[in-house]
Amino acid sequence: MSKVNDEGIIDLLIKVYLRSFKFPKGGAFTQFIDTMQEGQLMNITGIAGDIFYLGDSKFMVRNSETKLLEEKTYNKVGMIAAGSGLTPMF
């Protein structure tokens, strides 16, 4: 959707989960997004965590004692994800 060189904007394609018999409340966030008007702004922030993938088997991992990020290399990585957690894994 958004191009790599786009700055200051992000285009999203979001599936709206409406209320249904199986899911009486539906998806609260997607239904909220669906009510937004074209041109309406929303502030978003990136995820923050303790592990960042740098590519080429290299990671930045937060040291639990020093709280600093340290570069580590791993030959094998196991990941578990479900629901909205699938996208970050890709």
PDB file of N, CA and C in Angstrom:
ATOM      1  N   MET A   1       0.830  -1.173   0.000  1.00  0.00           N
ATOM      2  CA  MET A   1       0.000   0.000   0.000  1.00  0.00           C
ATOM      3  C   MET A   1       0.886   1.251   0.000  1.00  0.00           C
ATOM      4  N   SER A   2       1.424   1.647   1.156  1.00  0.00           N
ATOM      5  CA  SER A   2       2.321   2.799   1.190  1.00  0.00           C
ATOM      6  C   SER A   2       3.638   2.394   0.558  1.00  0.00           C
ATOM      7  N   LYS A   3       4.282   3.357  -0.082  1.00  0.00           N
ATOM      8  CA  LYS A   3       5.576   3.081  -0.703  1.00  0.00           C
ATOM      9  C   LYS A   3       6.684   3.269   0.317  1.00  0.00           C
ATOM     10  N   VAL A   4       7.809   2.611   0.100  1.00  0.00           N
ATOM     11  CA  VAL A   4       8.935   2.672   1.025  1.00  0.00           C
ATOM     12  C   VAL A   4       9.397   4.110   1.248  1.00  0.00           C
ATOM     13  N   ASN A   5       9.361   4.943   0.204  1.00  0.00           N
ATOM     14  CA  ASN A   5       9.862   6.312   0.337  1.00  0.00           C
ATOM     15  C   ASN A   5       8.791   7.320   0.761  1.00  0.00           C
ATOM     16  N   ASP A   6       7.572   6.879   1.096  1.00  0.00           N
ATOM     17  CA  ASP A   6       6.542   7.784   1.605  1.00  0.00           C
ATOM     18  C   ASP A   6       6.943   8.252   3.010  1.00  0.00           C
ATOM     19  N   GLU A   7       6.815   9.539   3.273  1.00  0.00           N
ATOM     20  CA  GLU A   7       7.111  10.068   4.600  1.00  0.00           C
ATOM     21  C   GLU A   7       5.893  10.795   5.139  1.00  0.00           C
ATOM     22  N   GLY A   8       5.572  10.532   6.396  1.00  0.00           N
ATOM     23  CA  GLY A   8       4.494  11.257   7.057  1.00  0.00           C
ATOM     24  C   GLY A   8       3.106  10.725   6.811  1.00  0.00           C
ATOM     25  N   ILE A   9       2.966   9.692   5.979  1.00  0.00           N
ATOM     26  CA  ILE A   9       1.645   9.101   5.736  1.00  0.00           C
ATOM     27  C   ILE A   9       1.771   7.584   5.734  1.00  0.00           C
ATOM     28  N   ILE A  10       0.665   6.943   5.977  1.00  0.00           N
ATOM     29  CA  ILE A  10       0.615   5.486   5.875  1.00  0.00           C
ATOM     30  C   ILE A  10      -0.757   5.118   5.329  1.00  0.00           C
ATOM     31  N   ASP A  11      -0.781   4.276   4.333  1.00  0.00           N
ATOM     32  CA  ASP A  11      -2.034   3.768   3.774  1.00  0.00           C
ATOM     33  C   ASP A  11      -2.271   2.392   4.356  1.00  0.00           C
ATOM     34  N   LEU A  12      -3.475   2.155   4.826  1.00  0.00           N
ATOM     35  CA  LEU A  12      -3.812   0.872   5.429  1.00  0.00           C
ATOM     36  C   LEU A  12      -4.985   0.240   4.706  1.00  0.00           C
ATOM     37  N   LEU A  13      -4.974  -1.069   4.622  1.00  0.00           N
ATOM     38  CA  LEU A  13      -6.111  -1.841   4.146  1.00  0.00           C
ATOM     39  C   LEU A  13      -6.580  -2.656   5.340  1.00  0.00           C
ATOM     40  N   ILE A  14      -7.774  -2.351   5.833  1.00  0.00           N
ATOM     41  CA  ILE A  14      -8.253  -2.961   7.069  1.00  0.00           C
ATOM     42  C   ILE A  14      -9.569  -3.668   6.819  1.00  0.00           C
ATOM     43  N   LYS A  15      -9.644  -4.919   7.217  1.00  0.00           N
ATOM     44  CA  LYS A  15     -10.900  -5.667   7.140  1.00  0.00           C
ATOM     45  C   LYS A  15     -11.751  -5.286   8.343  1.00  0.00           C
ATOM     46  N   VAL A  16     -12.980  -4.864   8.102  1.00  0.00           N
ATOM     47  CA  VAL A  16     -13.881  -4.470   9.177  1.00  0.00           C
ATOM     48  C   VAL A  16     -14.635  -5.704   9.668  1.00  0.00           C
ATOM     49  N   TYR A  17     -14.532  -5.959  10.964  1.00  0.00           N
ATOM     50  CA  TYR A  17     -15.249  -7.076  11.575  1.00  0.00           C
ATOM     51  C   TYR A  17     -16.530  -6.538  12.199  1.00  0.00           C
ATOM     52  N   LEU A  18     -17.641  -6.728  11.483  1.00  0.00           N
ATOM     53  CA  LEU A  18     -18.942  -6.255  11.958  1.00  0.00           C
ATOM     54  C   LEU A  18     -19.506  -7.206  13.001  1.00  0.00           C
ATOM     55  N   ARG A  19     -20.515  -6.731  13.714  1.00  0.00           N
ATOM     56  CA  ARG A  19     -21.184  -7.579  14.696  1.00  0.00           C
ATOM     57  C   ARG A  19     -21.842  -8.756  13.974  1.00  0.00           C
ATOM     58  N   SER A  20     -21.808  -9.900  14.613  1.00  0.00           N
ATOM     59  CA  SER A  20     -22.452 -11.084  14.046  1.00  0.00           C
ATOM     60  C   SER A  20     -22.939 -11.971  15.187  1.00  0.00           C
ATOM     61  N   PHE A  21     -23.656 -13.010  14.844  1.00  0.00           N
ATOM     62  CA  PHE A  21     -24.129 -13.938  15.871  1.00  0.00           C
ATOM     63  C   PHE A  21     -22.947 -14.565  16.586  1.00  0.00           C
ATOM     64  N   LYS A  22     -21.905 -14.930  15.822  1.00  0.00           N
ATOM     65  CA  LYS A  22     -20.730 -15.573  16.400  1.00  0.00           C
ATOM     66  C   LYS A  22     -19.906 -14.593  17.233  1.00  0.00           C
ATOM     67  N   PHE A  23     -19.829 -13.337  16.772  1.00  0.00           N
ATOM     68  CA  PHE A  23     -19.060 -12.298  17.472  1.00  0.00           C
ATOM     69  C   PHE A  23     -19.985 -11.104  17.715  1.00  0.00           C
ATOM     70  N   PRO A  24     -20.754 -11.130  18.812  1.00  0.00           N
ATOM     71  CA  PRO A  24     -21.772 -10.111  19.065  1.00  0.00           C
ATOM     72  C   PRO A  24     -21.239  -8.677  19.074  1.00  0.00           C
ATOM     73  N   LYS A  25     -20.014  -8.472  19.502  1.00  0.00           N
ATOM     74  CA  LYS A  25     -19.460  -7.118  19.533  1.00  0.00           C
ATOM     75  C   LYS A  25     -18.688  -6.783  18.262  1.00  0.00           C
ATOM     76  N   GLY A  26     -18.327  -7.783  17.494  1.00  0.00           N
ATOM     77  CA  GLY A  26     -17.511  -7.545  16.307  1.00  0.00           C
ATOM     78  C   GLY A  26     -16.130  -7.057  16.708  1.00  0.00           C
ATOM     79  N   GLY A  27     -15.462  -6.373  15.808  1.00  0.00           N
ATOM     80  CA  GLY A  27     -14.142  -5.820  16.096  1.00  0.00           C
ATOM     81  C   GLY A  27     -14.267  -4.351  16.453  1.00  0.00           C
ATOM     82  N   ALA A  28     -14.057  -4.002  17.713  1.00  0.00           N
ATOM     83  CA  ALA A  28     -14.265  -2.625  18.174  1.00  0.00           C
ATOM     84  C   ALA A  28     -13.379  -1.644  17.400  1.00  0.00           C
ATOM     85  N   PHE A  29     -12.103  -1.964  17.234  1.00  0.00           N
ATOM     86  CA  PHE A  29     -11.196  -1.041  16.553  1.00  0.00           C
ATOM     87  C   PHE A  29     -11.552  -0.911  15.075  1.00  0.00           C
ATOM     88  N   THR A  30     -11.816  -2.024  14.404  1.00  0.00           N
ATOM     89  CA  THR A  30     -12.110  -1.937  12.975  1.00  0.00           C
ATOM     90  C   THR A  30     -13.431  -1.217  12.718  1.00  0.00           C
ATOM     91  N   GLN A  31     -14.406  -1.377  13.614  1.00  0.00           N
ATOM     92  CA  GLN A  31     -15.662  -0.650  13.455  1.00  0.00           C
ATOM     93  C   GLN A  31     -15.458   0.851  13.692  1.00  0.00           C
ATOM     94  N   PHE A  32     -14.572   1.198  14.622  1.00  0.00           N
ATOM     95  CA  PHE A  32     -14.245   2.607  14.842  1.00  0.00           C
ATOM     96  C   PHE A  32     -13.589   3.200  13.597  1.00  0.00           C
ATOM     97  N   ILE A  33     -12.624   2.493  13.037  1.00  0.00           N
ATOM     98  CA  ILE A  33     -11.934   2.951  11.823  1.00  0.00           C
ATOM     99  C   ILE A  33     -12.945   3.137  10.689  1.00  0.00           C
ATOM    100  N   ASP A  34     -13.907   2.234  10.605  1.00  0.00           N
ATOM    101  CA  ASP A  34     -14.899   2.284   9.537  1.00  0.00           C
ATOM    102  C   ASP A  34     -15.766   3.545   9.605  1.00  0.00           C
ATOM    103  N   THR A  35     -15.913   4.148  10.794  1.00  0.00           N
ATOM    104  CA  THR A  35     -16.734   5.354  10.935  1.00  0.00           C
ATOM    105  C   THR A  35     -15.947   6.640  10.659  1.00  0.00           C
ATOM    106  N   MET A  36     -14.635   6.534  10.490  1.00  0.00           N
ATOM    107  CA  MET A  36     -13.828   7.731  10.233  1.00  0.00           C
ATOM    108  C   MET A  36     -14.153   8.305   8.860  1.00  0.00           C
ATOM    109  N   GLN A  37     -14.070   9.608   8.756  1.00  0.00           N
ATOM    110  CA  GLN A  37     -14.331  10.299   7.499  1.00  0.00           C
ATOM    111  C   GLN A  37     -13.024  10.454   6.719  1.00  0.00           C
ATOM    112  N   GLU A  38     -13.125  10.512   5.406  1.00  0.00           N
ATOM    113  CA  GLU A  38     -11.955  10.727   4.573  1.00  0.00           C
ATOM    114  C   GLU A  38     -11.279  12.036   4.979  1.00  0.00           C
ATOM    115  N   GLY A  39      -9.974  11.996   5.152  1.00  0.00           N
ATOM    116  CA  GLY A  39      -9.216  13.177   5.549  1.00  0.00           C
ATOM    117  C   GLY A  39      -9.090  13.354   7.046  1.00  0.00           C
ATOM    118  N   GLN A  40      -9.861  12.578   7.820  1.00  0.00           N
ATOM    119  CA  GLN A  40      -9.767  12.651   9.278  1.00  0.00           C
ATOM    120  C   GLN A  40      -8.428  12.086   9.713  1.00  0.00           C
ATOM    121  N   LEU A  41      -7.797  12.726  10.688  1.00  0.00           N
ATOM    122  CA  LEU A  41      -6.469  12.309  11.131  1.00  0.00           C
ATOM    123  C   LEU A  41      -6.539  11.451  12.380  1.00  0.00           C
ATOM    124  N   MET A  42      -5.545  10.575  12.521  1.00  0.00           N
ATOM    125  CA  MET A  42      -5.409   9.743  13.705  1.00  0.00           C
ATOM    126  C   MET A  42      -3.922   9.673  14.031  1.00  0.00           C
ATOM    127  N   ASN A  43      -3.565   9.935  15.261  1.00  0.00           N
ATOM    128  CA  ASN A  43      -2.174   9.780  15.679  1.00  0.00           C
ATOM    129  C   ASN A  43      -1.910   8.319  15.990  1.00  0.00           C
ATOM    130  N   ILE A  44      -0.819   7.795  15.445  1.00  0.00           N
ATOM    131  CA  ILE A  44      -0.427   6.417  15.723  1.00  0.00           C
ATOM    132  C   ILE A  44       1.041   6.396  16.089  1.00  0.00           C
ATOM    133  N   THR A  45       1.438   5.372  16.799  1.00  0.00           N
ATOM    134  CA  THR A  45       2.848   5.187  17.126  1.00  0.00           C
ATOM    135  C   THR A  45       3.246   3.769  16.754  1.00  0.00           C
ATOM    136  N   GLY A  46       4.503   3.588  16.493  1.00  0.00           N
ATOM    137  CA  GLY A  46       5.015   2.256  16.193  1.00  0.00           C
ATOM    138  C   GLY A  46       5.081   1.429  17.460  1.00  0.00           C
ATOM    139  N   ILE A  47       5.180   0.146  17.263  1.00  0.00           N
ATOM    140  CA  ILE A  47       5.298  -0.735  18.417  1.00  0.00           C
ATOM    141  C   ILE A  47       6.668  -0.541  19.052  1.00  0.00           C
ATOM    142  N   ALA A  48       6.747  -0.764  20.314  1.00  0.00           N
ATOM    143  CA  ALA A  48       8.024  -0.693  21.027  1.00  0.00           C
ATOM    144  C   ALA A  48       8.190  -1.997  21.775  1.00  0.00           C
ATOM    145  N   GLY A  49       9.360  -2.550  21.691  1.00  0.00           N
ATOM    146  CA  GLY A  49       9.551  -3.828  22.350  1.00  0.00           C
ATOM    147  C   GLY A  49      10.996  -4.070  22.700  1.00  0.00           C
ATOM    148  N   ASP A  50      11.272  -5.290  23.044  1.00  0.00           N
ATOM    149  CA  ASP A  50      12.596  -5.660  23.511  1.00  0.00           C
ATOM    150  C   ASP A  50      13.423  -6.388  22.469  1.00  0.00           C
ATOM    151  N   ILE A  51      12.843  -6.691  21.311  1.00  0.00           N
ATOM    152  CA  ILE A  51      13.567  -7.404  20.264  1.00  0.00           C
ATOM    153  C   ILE A  51      13.289  -6.714  18.929  1.00  0.00           C
ATOM    154  N   PHE A  52      14.349  -6.414  18.189  1.00  0.00           N
ATOM    155  CA  PHE A  52      14.233  -5.796  16.878  1.00  0.00           C
ATOM    156  C   PHE A  52      15.055  -6.607  15.893  1.00  0.00           C
ATOM    157  N   TYR A  53      14.469  -6.979  14.763  1.00  0.00           N
ATOM    158  CA  TYR A  53      15.194  -7.734  13.743  1.00  0.00           C
ATOM    159  C   TYR A  53      15.895  -6.776  12.808  1.00  0.00           C
ATOM    160  N   LEU A  54      17.208  -6.967  12.630  1.00  0.00           N
ATOM    161  CA  LEU A  54      18.004  -6.092  11.777  1.00  0.00           C
ATOM    162  C   LEU A  54      18.222  -6.675  10.390  1.00  0.00           C
ATOM    163  N   GLY A  55      17.924  -7.953  10.218  1.00  0.00           N
ATOM    164  CA  GLY A  55      18.197  -8.633   8.957  1.00  0.00           C
ATOM    165  C   GLY A  55      19.474  -9.446   9.071  1.00  0.00           C
ATOM    166  N   ASP A  56      19.652 -10.389   8.150  1.00  0.00           N
ATOM    167  CA  ASP A  56      20.857 -11.210   8.099  1.00  0.00           C
ATOM    168  C   ASP A  56      21.134 -11.919   9.427  1.00  0.00           C
ATOM    169  N   SER A  57      20.086 -12.439  10.061  1.00  0.00           N
ATOM    170  CA  SER A  57      20.160 -13.187  11.323  1.00  0.00           C
ATOM    171  C   SER A  57      20.594 -12.354  12.519  1.00  0.00           C
ATOM    172  N   LYS A  58      20.586 -11.038  12.391  1.00  0.00           N
ATOM    173  CA  LYS A  58      21.014 -10.169  13.491  1.00  0.00           C
ATOM    174  C   LYS A  58      19.793  -9.509  14.140  1.00  0.00           C
ATOM    175  N   PHE A  59      19.844  -9.430  15.466  1.00  0.00           N
ATOM    176  CA  PHE A  59      18.779  -8.851  16.266  1.00  0.00           C
ATOM    177  C   PHE A  59      19.365  -7.862  17.267  1.00  0.00           C
ATOM    178  N   MET A  60      18.552  -6.914  17.679  1.00  0.00           N
ATOM    179  CA  MET A  60      18.866  -6.085  18.835  1.00  0.00           C
ATOM    180  C   MET A  60      17.952  -6.587  19.945  1.00  0.00           C
ATOM    181  N   VAL A  61      18.539  -7.003  21.064  1.00  0.00           N
ATOM    182  CA  VAL A  61      17.788  -7.595  22.163  1.00  0.00           C
ATOM    183  C   VAL A  61      18.069  -6.788  23.433  1.00  0.00           C
ATOM    184  N   ARG A  62      17.006  -6.424  24.146  1.00  0.00           N
ATOM    185  CA  ARG A  62      17.182  -5.641  25.366  1.00  0.00           C
ATOM    186  C   ARG A  62      17.710  -6.522  26.491  1.00  0.00           C
ATOM    187  N   ASN A  63      18.812  -6.103  27.096  1.00  0.00           N
ATOM    188  CA  ASN A  63      19.400  -6.784  28.242  1.00  0.00           C
ATOM    189  C   ASN A  63      18.526  -6.491  29.456  1.00  0.00           C
ATOM    190  N   SER A  64      18.048  -7.527  30.137  1.00  0.00           N
ATOM    191  CA  SER A  64      17.120  -7.330  31.257  1.00  0.00           C
ATOM    192  C   SER A  64      17.781  -6.656  32.458  1.00  0.00           C
ATOM    193  N   GLU A  65      19.098  -6.752  32.570  1.00  0.00           N
ATOM    194  CA  GLU A  65      19.784  -6.112  33.699  1.00  0.00           C
ATOM    195  C   GLU A  65      20.153  -4.661  33.403  1.00  0.00           C
ATOM    196  N   THR A  66      20.780  -4.410  32.250  1.00  0.00           N
ATOM    197  CA  THR A  66      21.239  -3.056  31.926  1.00  0.00           C
ATOM    198  C   THR A  66      20.174  -2.223  31.228  1.00  0.00           C
ATOM    199  N   LYS A  67      19.145  -2.882  30.701  1.00  0.00           N
ATOM    200  CA  LYS A  67      18.067  -2.239  29.931  1.00  0.00           C
ATOM    201  C   LYS A  67      18.551  -1.657  28.604  1.00  0.00           C
ATOM    202  N   LEU A  68      19.768  -1.982  28.197  1.00  0.00           N
ATOM    203  CA  LEU A  68      20.313  -1.499  26.927  1.00  0.00           C
ATOM    204  C   LEU A  68      20.110  -2.538  25.844  1.00  0.00           C
ATOM    205  N   LEU A  69      19.974  -2.074  24.589  1.00  0.00           N
ATOM    206  CA  LEU A  69      19.860  -2.988  23.462  1.00  0.00           C
ATOM    207  C   LEU A  69      21.248  -3.476  23.069  1.00  0.00           C
ATOM    208  N   GLU A  70      21.367  -4.781  22.873  1.00  0.00           N
ATOM    209  CA  GLU A  70      22.631  -5.394  22.475  1.00  0.00           C
ATOM    210  C   GLU A  70      22.419  -6.176  21.198  1.00  0.00           C
ATOM    211  N   GLU A  71      23.384  -6.111  20.281  1.00  0.00           N
ATOM    212  CA  GLU A  71      23.272  -6.869  19.038  1.00  0.00           C
ATOM    213  C   GLU A  71      23.619  -8.331  19.285  1.00  0.00           C
ATOM    214  N   LYS A  72      22.775  -9.212  18.796  1.00  0.00           N
ATOM    215  CA  LYS A  72      22.962 -10.667  18.926  1.00  0.00           C
ATOM    216  C   LYS A  72      22.719 -11.302  17.566  1.00  0.00           C
ATOM    217  N   THR A  73      23.367 -12.423  17.316  1.00  0.00           N
ATOM    218  CA  THR A  73      23.150 -13.195  16.095  1.00  0.00           C
ATOM    219  C   THR A  73      22.593 -14.558  16.481  1.00  0.00           C
ATOM    220  N   TYR A  74      21.512 -14.957  15.808  1.00  0.00           N
ATOM    221  CA  TYR A  74      20.876 -16.245  16.065  1.00  0.00           C
ATOM    222  C   TYR A  74      20.749 -17.000  14.751  1.00  0.00           C
ATOM    223  N   ASN A  75      21.094 -18.290  14.770  1.00  0.00           N
ATOM    224  CA  ASN A  75      20.977 -19.126  13.580  1.00  0.00           C
ATOM    225  C   ASN A  75      19.561 -19.657  13.400  1.00  0.00           C
ATOM    226  N   LYS A  76      18.849 -19.857  14.504  1.00  0.00           N
ATOM    227  CA  LYS A  76      17.481 -20.366  14.450  1.00  0.00           C
ATOM    228  C   LYS A  76      16.603 -19.520  15.355  1.00  0.00           C
ATOM    229  N   VAL A  77      15.391 -19.212  14.873  1.00  0.00           N
ATOM    230  CA  VAL A  77      14.439 -18.418  15.638  1.00  0.00           C
ATOM    231  C   VAL A  77      13.079 -19.082  15.534  1.00  0.00           C
ATOM    232  N   GLY A  78      12.415 -19.270  16.655  1.00  0.00           N
ATOM    233  CA  GLY A  78      11.062 -19.797  16.667  1.00  0.00           C
ATOM    234  C   GLY A  78      10.095 -18.675  16.993  1.00  0.00           C
ATOM    235  N   MET A  79       8.975 -18.618  16.283  1.00  0.00           N
ATOM    236  CA  MET A  79       7.992 -17.572  16.521  1.00  0.00           C
ATOM    237  C   MET A  79       6.613 -18.185  16.641  1.00  0.00           C
ATOM    238  N   ILE A  80       5.828 -17.636  17.541  1.00  0.00           N
ATOM    239  CA  ILE A  80       4.443 -18.059  17.723  1.00  0.00           C
ATOM    240  C   ILE A  80       3.575 -16.815  17.618  1.00  0.00           C
ATOM    241  N   ALA A  81       2.545 -16.869  16.793  1.00  0.00           N
ATOM    242  CA  ALA A  81       1.671 -15.709  16.622  1.00  0.00           C
ATOM    243  C   ALA A  81       0.261 -16.162  16.277  1.00  0.00           C
ATOM    244  N   ALA A  82      -0.692 -15.307  16.615  1.00  0.00           N
ATOM    245  CA  ALA A  82      -2.093 -15.564  16.270  1.00  0.00           C
ATOM    246  C   ALA A  82      -2.811 -14.240  16.117  1.00  0.00           C
ATOM    247  N   GLY A  83      -3.882 -14.248  15.376  1.00  0.00           N
ATOM    248  CA  GLY A  83      -4.696 -13.048  15.208  1.00  0.00           C
ATOM    249  C   GLY A  83      -3.893 -11.893  14.620  1.00  0.00           C
ATOM    250  N   SER A  84      -4.021 -10.719  15.236  1.00  0.00           N
ATOM    251  CA  SER A  84      -3.330  -9.543  14.724  1.00  0.00           C
ATOM    252  C   SER A  84      -1.817  -9.643  14.905  1.00  0.00           C
ATOM    253  N   GLY A  85      -1.341 -10.601  15.675  1.00  0.00           N
ATOM    254  CA  GLY A  85       0.094 -10.808  15.854  1.00  0.00           C
ATOM    255  C   GLY A  85       0.758 -11.440  14.651  1.00  0.00           C
ATOM    256  N   LEU A  86      -0.022 -11.931  13.687  1.00  0.00           N
ATOM    257  CA  LEU A  86       0.563 -12.540  12.496  1.00  0.00           C
ATOM    258  C   LEU A  86       1.286 -11.513  11.641  1.00  0.00           C
ATOM    259  N   THR A  87       0.717 -10.347  11.467  1.00  0.00           N
ATOM    260  CA  THR A  87       1.301  -9.339  10.592  1.00  0.00           C
ATOM    261  C   THR A  87       2.712  -8.944  11.012  1.00  0.00           C
ATOM    262  N   PRO A  88       2.969  -8.646  12.286  1.00  0.00           N
ATOM    263  CA  PRO A  88       4.351  -8.302  12.655  1.00  0.00           C
ATOM    264  C   PRO A  88       5.351  -9.425  12.372  1.00  0.00           C
ATOM    265  N   MET A  89       4.884 -10.664  12.397  1.00  0.00           N
ATOM    266  CA  MET A  89       5.805 -11.783  12.144  1.00  0.00           C
ATOM    267  C   MET A  89       6.281 -11.786  10.697  1.00  0.00           C
ATOM    268  N   PHE A  90       5.437 -11.341   9.773  1.00  0.00           N
ATOM    269  CA  PHE A  90       5.852 -11.293   8.380  1.00  0.00           C
ATOM    270  C   PHE A  90       6.877 -10.208   8.187  1.00  0.00           C
TER     271      PHE A  90
END
